[in-house]
Each structure stands twice: as structure tokens, then as C-alpha cells.
Amino acid sequence: MTKKAIEILQAGNDNGFSLLVEGGRIDHAHHALQMNAAFLELLDMESAVSAAMEMTDPDETLIIVTADHSHTMSFGGWPQRGTPLHG
């Protein structure tokens, strides 16, 4: 979606544009302690940022990556070393 949005905004536009891309499901994954889902959201955001960087001129483009807040993954108890975190 990031690539398509940039293509549309660049088409015949010499005035520049502003685009907000949000990874909105990572927060849900953190609240539900769904590590795999959170990690996949992170990879999706990386793909979106990479696409924006590839499709724009760094001399004319400001790309900001930030979070509105953060979470950590918490694991209760005392899991043994080597316990799979994705299971």
C-alpha cells in the first residue's frame, strides 16, 4: 500500500506531498502478548519504510519513523533457558 500511495501521489505532482503510514496492529499484538504478530508488524513497517526510501529522493524527502508509545513483551514465571519464545 505504501508503494501504491507514493505512485499515486507522485503522478503529475510537482508540489510535493505528505504521507502518513501507520502500523496499527503492533499495539494489539503487544497487549495480547502475541510475539509473532508483533514481529510480523515490525517487518511490515520495515518494508514500508524501505519502499519509501527506494521510491523517493533523499535530497527532497524527509522520512520520520516514530512510535506513539511503546510496550515490552513480558513473560511471567521463570522459564528455563532455551524455552521457545514463539511457542
Protein backbone atom coordinates (compact mmCIF):
# COMPACT_ATOMS: atom_id res chain seq x y z
CA MET A 1 0.00 0.00 0.00
CA THR A 2 2.91 2.34 0.66
CA LYS A 3 4.28 1.82 -2.85
CA LYS A 4 0.88 2.42 -4.45
CA ALA A 5 0.25 5.54 -2.36
CA ILE A 6 3.60 7.02 -3.38
CA GLU A 7 2.97 6.18 -7.04
CA ILE A 8 -0.40 7.97 -6.92
CA LEU A 9 0.97 10.98 -5.06
CA GLN A 10 3.99 11.34 -7.37
CA ALA A 11 1.97 11.09 -10.59
CA GLY A 12 1.95 14.52 -12.20
CA ASN A 13 2.58 16.26 -8.86
CA ASP A 14 5.39 18.81 -8.77
CA ASN A 15 4.27 20.40 -5.50
CA GLY A 16 5.30 17.58 -3.17
CA PHE A 17 3.14 15.63 -0.78
CA SER A 18 2.83 14.31 2.74
CA LEU A 19 2.07 10.67 3.51
CA LEU A 20 1.43 9.00 6.87
CA VAL A 21 1.90 5.24 7.06
CA GLU A 22 0.86 3.54 10.28
CA GLY A 23 1.49 0.04 11.60
CA GLY A 24 -1.61 -0.07 13.77
CA ARG A 25 -1.79 -3.72 14.75
CA ILE A 26 1.51 -3.98 16.62
CA ASP A 27 -0.17 -2.41 19.66
CA HIS A 28 -2.88 -5.09 19.63
CA ALA A 29 -0.26 -7.82 19.40
CA HIS A 30 1.69 -6.41 22.35
CA HIS A 31 -1.42 -6.17 24.51
CA ALA A 32 -2.29 -9.78 23.69
CA LEU A 33 1.35 -10.95 24.19
CA GLN A 34 1.37 -12.24 20.62
CA MET A 35 5.07 -12.06 19.88
CA ASN A 36 4.87 -13.48 16.36
CA ALA A 37 2.18 -11.00 15.32
CA ALA A 38 4.17 -8.09 16.80
CA PHE A 39 7.31 -9.19 14.97
CA LEU A 40 5.44 -9.52 11.66
CA GLU A 41 4.09 -5.98 12.14
CA LEU A 42 7.65 -4.78 12.66
CA LEU A 43 8.76 -6.46 9.43
CA ASP A 44 5.82 -4.89 7.57
CA MET A 45 6.85 -1.45 8.82
CA GLU A 46 10.42 -2.11 7.72
CA SER A 47 9.12 -2.97 4.23
CA ALA A 48 7.06 0.22 4.11
CA VAL A 49 9.99 2.41 5.14
CA SER A 50 12.30 0.64 2.68
CA ALA A 51 9.80 1.18 -0.14
CA ALA A 52 9.52 4.88 0.71
CA MET A 53 13.29 5.22 0.75
CA GLU A 54 13.66 3.47 -2.61
CA MET A 55 10.91 5.49 -4.30
CA THR A 56 11.91 8.97 -3.16
CA ASP A 57 14.90 11.26 -3.49
CA PRO A 58 16.75 11.62 -0.17
CA ASP A 59 17.68 15.21 -1.09
CA GLU A 60 13.99 16.12 -1.32
CA THR A 61 12.38 13.80 1.21
CA LEU A 62 12.13 13.71 4.98
CA ILE A 63 11.20 10.30 6.36
CA ILE A 64 10.39 10.13 10.07
CA VAL A 65 9.83 6.84 11.87
CA THR A 66 8.45 7.06 15.39
CA ALA A 67 6.05 5.42 17.83
CA ASP A 68 3.14 6.94 19.67
CA HIS A 69 4.10 4.85 22.70
CA SER A 70 5.89 1.61 23.39
CA HIS A 71 5.38 -1.74 25.03
CA THR A 72 7.61 -4.53 26.12
CA MET A 73 6.93 -8.22 25.98
CA SER A 74 6.67 -9.64 29.47
CA PHE A 75 6.96 -13.28 30.36
CA GLY A 76 5.73 -14.31 33.77
CA GLY A 77 7.26 -17.05 35.86
CA TRP A 78 10.71 -18.47 35.50
CA PRO A 79 11.05 -20.09 32.07
CA GLN A 80 14.04 -22.32 31.60
CA ARG A 81 16.87 -21.23 29.34
CA GLY A 82 16.14 -22.37 25.79
CA THR A 83 12.36 -22.13 26.17
CA PRO A 84 10.98 -21.25 22.72
CA LEU A 85 9.57 -17.74 22.76
CA HIS A 86 7.45 -18.25 19.65
CA GLY A 87 5.61 -21.29 21.00
